[in-house]
Amino acid sequence: MGYAGRASTSDWLEESMRLKGRKIVITGGATGIGRATALRCAGEGAQVVVVDINDTDGRSAQEEIRAEGGQGW
């Protein structure tokens, strides 16, 4: 058995991109749980829109998503 009881690394890679092609809007995505959710969704292949009243941290979240290779607006 591979990582966390999975049969192989390829199974893990396939599962890790389970949101590929999805578009997700995260409200309150600049900090805290919202930011963590935005980063996780982007890491799993989603295109993420971060919406927050806190413009500075919202832009920072977008930049972090892009720096990790994701698509964030």
N, C-alpha and C. Protein backbone atom coordinates (compact mmCIF):
# COMPACT_ATOMS: atom_id res chain seq x y z
N MET A 1 0.83 -1.19 0.00
CA MET A 1 0.00 0.00 0.00
C MET A 1 0.87 1.24 0.00
N GLY A 2 0.40 2.23 -0.71
CA GLY A 2 1.10 3.51 -0.78
C GLY A 2 0.70 4.45 0.34
N TYR A 3 0.91 5.71 0.11
CA TYR A 3 0.63 6.77 1.07
C TYR A 3 -0.83 6.72 1.55
N ALA A 4 -1.01 6.74 2.85
CA ALA A 4 -2.34 6.78 3.48
C ALA A 4 -3.26 5.67 2.99
N GLY A 5 -2.71 4.48 2.76
CA GLY A 5 -3.51 3.35 2.37
C GLY A 5 -3.89 3.31 0.90
N ARG A 6 -3.39 4.23 0.10
CA ARG A 6 -3.69 4.22 -1.33
C ARG A 6 -2.80 3.19 -2.02
N ALA A 7 -3.30 2.69 -3.12
CA ALA A 7 -2.59 1.63 -3.82
C ALA A 7 -1.27 2.10 -4.43
N SER A 8 -1.20 3.34 -4.90
CA SER A 8 0.03 3.79 -5.55
C SER A 8 0.12 5.31 -5.54
N THR A 9 1.29 5.80 -5.91
CA THR A 9 1.49 7.24 -6.01
C THR A 9 0.60 7.83 -7.09
N SER A 10 0.40 7.13 -8.19
CA SER A 10 -0.45 7.66 -9.26
C SER A 10 -1.89 7.83 -8.78
N ASP A 11 -2.37 6.94 -7.91
CA ASP A 11 -3.70 7.10 -7.33
C ASP A 11 -3.76 8.38 -6.50
N TRP A 12 -2.71 8.63 -5.73
CA TRP A 12 -2.66 9.83 -4.90
C TRP A 12 -2.65 11.07 -5.77
N LEU A 13 -1.85 11.07 -6.86
CA LEU A 13 -1.79 12.23 -7.74
C LEU A 13 -3.13 12.49 -8.40
N GLU A 14 -3.81 11.46 -8.82
CA GLU A 14 -5.11 11.61 -9.45
C GLU A 14 -6.11 12.21 -8.46
N GLU A 15 -6.11 11.73 -7.24
CA GLU A 15 -7.03 12.23 -6.23
C GLU A 15 -6.68 13.66 -5.84
N SER A 16 -5.39 14.02 -5.84
CA SER A 16 -4.98 15.35 -5.42
C SER A 16 -5.43 16.43 -6.41
N MET A 17 -5.83 16.08 -7.60
CA MET A 17 -6.31 17.03 -8.60
C MET A 17 -7.82 16.87 -8.83
N ARG A 18 -8.54 16.49 -7.81
CA ARG A 18 -9.96 16.19 -7.96
C ARG A 18 -10.83 17.41 -8.28
N LEU A 19 -10.29 18.63 -8.12
CA LEU A 19 -11.05 19.84 -8.45
C LEU A 19 -10.62 20.46 -9.77
N LYS A 20 -9.76 19.77 -10.51
CA LYS A 20 -9.25 20.30 -11.79
C LYS A 20 -10.42 20.65 -12.71
N GLY A 21 -10.33 21.86 -13.27
CA GLY A 21 -11.37 22.31 -14.19
C GLY A 21 -12.55 22.98 -13.52
N ARG A 22 -12.62 22.94 -12.20
CA ARG A 22 -13.71 23.58 -11.47
C ARG A 22 -13.38 25.04 -11.21
N LYS A 23 -14.41 25.86 -11.14
CA LYS A 23 -14.26 27.28 -10.80
C LYS A 23 -14.92 27.49 -9.45
N ILE A 24 -14.18 28.07 -8.51
CA ILE A 24 -14.67 28.22 -7.14
C ILE A 24 -14.48 29.65 -6.68
N VAL A 25 -15.53 30.21 -6.05
CA VAL A 25 -15.47 31.54 -5.45
C VAL A 25 -15.41 31.34 -3.94
N ILE A 26 -14.38 31.91 -3.31
CA ILE A 26 -14.22 31.81 -1.85
C ILE A 26 -14.46 33.21 -1.28
N THR A 27 -15.55 33.38 -0.54
CA THR A 27 -15.80 34.65 0.13
C THR A 27 -15.06 34.62 1.47
N GLY A 28 -14.49 35.74 1.84
CA GLY A 28 -13.68 35.78 3.06
C GLY A 28 -12.37 35.03 2.87
N GLY A 29 -11.86 35.03 1.64
CA GLY A 29 -10.69 34.23 1.31
C GLY A 29 -9.34 34.89 1.55
N ALA A 30 -9.33 36.07 2.17
CA ALA A 30 -8.06 36.77 2.36
C ALA A 30 -7.25 36.23 3.53
N THR A 31 -7.91 35.77 4.56
CA THR A 31 -7.21 35.32 5.77
C THR A 31 -7.91 34.10 6.38
N GLY A 32 -7.23 33.49 7.32
CA GLY A 32 -7.82 32.42 8.12
C GLY A 32 -8.29 31.21 7.35
N ILE A 33 -9.44 30.69 7.75
CA ILE A 33 -9.99 29.48 7.13
C ILE A 33 -10.30 29.71 5.66
N GLY A 34 -10.79 30.90 5.31
CA GLY A 34 -11.08 31.21 3.91
C GLY A 34 -9.85 31.14 3.03
N ARG A 35 -8.75 31.70 3.52
CA ARG A 35 -7.49 31.65 2.76
C ARG A 35 -7.00 30.22 2.64
N ALA A 36 -7.05 29.48 3.73
CA ALA A 36 -6.61 28.07 3.70
C ALA A 36 -7.46 27.28 2.71
N THR A 37 -8.75 27.55 2.68
CA THR A 37 -9.64 26.86 1.75
C THR A 37 -9.29 27.22 0.31
N ALA A 38 -9.04 28.51 0.05
CA ALA A 38 -8.68 28.95 -1.30
C ALA A 38 -7.39 28.28 -1.76
N LEU A 39 -6.39 28.23 -0.89
CA LEU A 39 -5.12 27.61 -1.24
C LEU A 39 -5.28 26.11 -1.48
N ARG A 40 -6.07 25.46 -0.65
CA ARG A 40 -6.29 24.01 -0.80
C ARG A 40 -7.01 23.70 -2.11
N CYS A 41 -8.06 24.48 -2.41
CA CYS A 41 -8.81 24.26 -3.64
C CYS A 41 -7.92 24.48 -4.87
N ALA A 42 -7.12 25.53 -4.83
CA ALA A 42 -6.19 25.79 -5.94
C ALA A 42 -5.18 24.66 -6.06
N GLY A 43 -4.71 24.17 -4.93
CA GLY A 43 -3.76 23.06 -4.93
C GLY A 43 -4.34 21.78 -5.50
N GLU A 44 -5.67 21.67 -5.47
CA GLU A 44 -6.34 20.50 -6.02
C GLU A 44 -6.85 20.74 -7.43
N GLY A 45 -6.37 21.85 -8.05
CA GLY A 45 -6.63 22.07 -9.46
C GLY A 45 -7.72 23.06 -9.81
N ALA A 46 -8.43 23.62 -8.84
CA ALA A 46 -9.52 24.55 -9.14
C ALA A 46 -8.99 25.92 -9.54
N GLN A 47 -9.78 26.62 -10.32
CA GLN A 47 -9.55 28.04 -10.59
C GLN A 47 -10.28 28.77 -9.47
N VAL A 48 -9.58 29.61 -8.72
CA VAL A 48 -10.14 30.18 -7.49
C VAL A 48 -10.25 31.71 -7.60
N VAL A 49 -11.44 32.21 -7.24
CA VAL A 49 -11.66 33.64 -7.11
C VAL A 49 -11.73 33.93 -5.61
N VAL A 50 -10.83 34.79 -5.13
CA VAL A 50 -10.80 35.18 -3.72
C VAL A 50 -11.53 36.51 -3.58
N VAL A 51 -12.58 36.52 -2.75
CA VAL A 51 -13.37 37.72 -2.53
C VAL A 51 -13.29 38.07 -1.04
N ASP A 52 -12.92 39.32 -0.75
CA ASP A 52 -12.81 39.73 0.65
C ASP A 52 -12.81 41.26 0.71
N ILE A 53 -13.30 41.80 1.80
CA ILE A 53 -13.27 43.24 2.02
C ILE A 53 -11.82 43.71 2.26
N ASN A 54 -10.97 42.81 2.71
CA ASN A 54 -9.56 43.10 2.97
C ASN A 54 -8.78 42.93 1.66
N ASP A 55 -8.68 44.02 0.91
CA ASP A 55 -8.08 43.98 -0.42
C ASP A 55 -6.60 43.57 -0.40
N THR A 56 -5.85 44.08 0.55
CA THR A 56 -4.41 43.79 0.60
C THR A 56 -4.15 42.31 0.81
N ASP A 57 -4.79 41.71 1.80
CA ASP A 57 -4.58 40.29 2.06
C ASP A 57 -5.22 39.43 0.97
N GLY A 58 -6.29 39.93 0.36
CA GLY A 58 -6.90 39.19 -0.75
C GLY A 58 -5.96 39.08 -1.93
N ARG A 59 -5.30 40.18 -2.25
CA ARG A 59 -4.31 40.15 -3.34
C ARG A 59 -3.13 39.26 -2.98
N SER A 60 -2.75 39.27 -1.71
CA SER A 60 -1.67 38.40 -1.25
C SER A 60 -2.04 36.93 -1.43
N ALA A 61 -3.28 36.59 -1.13
CA ALA A 61 -3.74 35.20 -1.31
C ALA A 61 -3.69 34.82 -2.79
N GLN A 62 -4.13 35.73 -3.65
CA GLN A 62 -4.08 35.48 -5.10
C GLN A 62 -2.64 35.25 -5.56
N GLU A 63 -1.74 36.08 -5.09
CA GLU A 63 -0.33 35.94 -5.46
C GLU A 63 0.24 34.62 -4.97
N GLU A 64 -0.14 34.20 -3.77
CA GLU A 64 0.35 32.93 -3.23
C GLU A 64 -0.17 31.77 -4.07
N ILE A 65 -1.43 31.83 -4.48
CA ILE A 65 -2.00 30.79 -5.33
C ILE A 65 -1.21 30.71 -6.64
N ARG A 66 -0.95 31.85 -7.25
CA ARG A 66 -0.21 31.88 -8.52
C ARG A 66 1.23 31.41 -8.34
N ALA A 67 1.85 31.78 -7.23
CA ALA A 67 3.23 31.37 -6.97
C ALA A 67 3.35 29.85 -6.84
N GLU A 68 2.27 29.21 -6.39
CA GLU A 68 2.26 27.75 -6.25
C GLU A 68 1.82 27.06 -7.55
N GLY A 69 1.61 27.87 -8.62
CA GLY A 69 1.25 27.28 -9.91
C GLY A 69 -0.23 27.21 -10.17
N GLY A 70 -1.05 27.77 -9.27
CA GLY A 70 -2.49 27.73 -9.44
C GLY A 70 -3.01 28.93 -10.20
N GLN A 71 -4.32 28.94 -10.41
CA GLN A 71 -4.98 30.06 -11.06
C GLN A 71 -5.86 30.75 -10.02
N GLY A 72 -5.52 31.99 -9.71
CA GLY A 72 -6.28 32.74 -8.71
C GLY A 72 -6.56 34.15 -9.17
N TRP A 73 -7.77 34.62 -8.85
CA TRP A 73 -8.17 35.99 -9.18
C TRP A 73 -8.74 36.65 -7.96
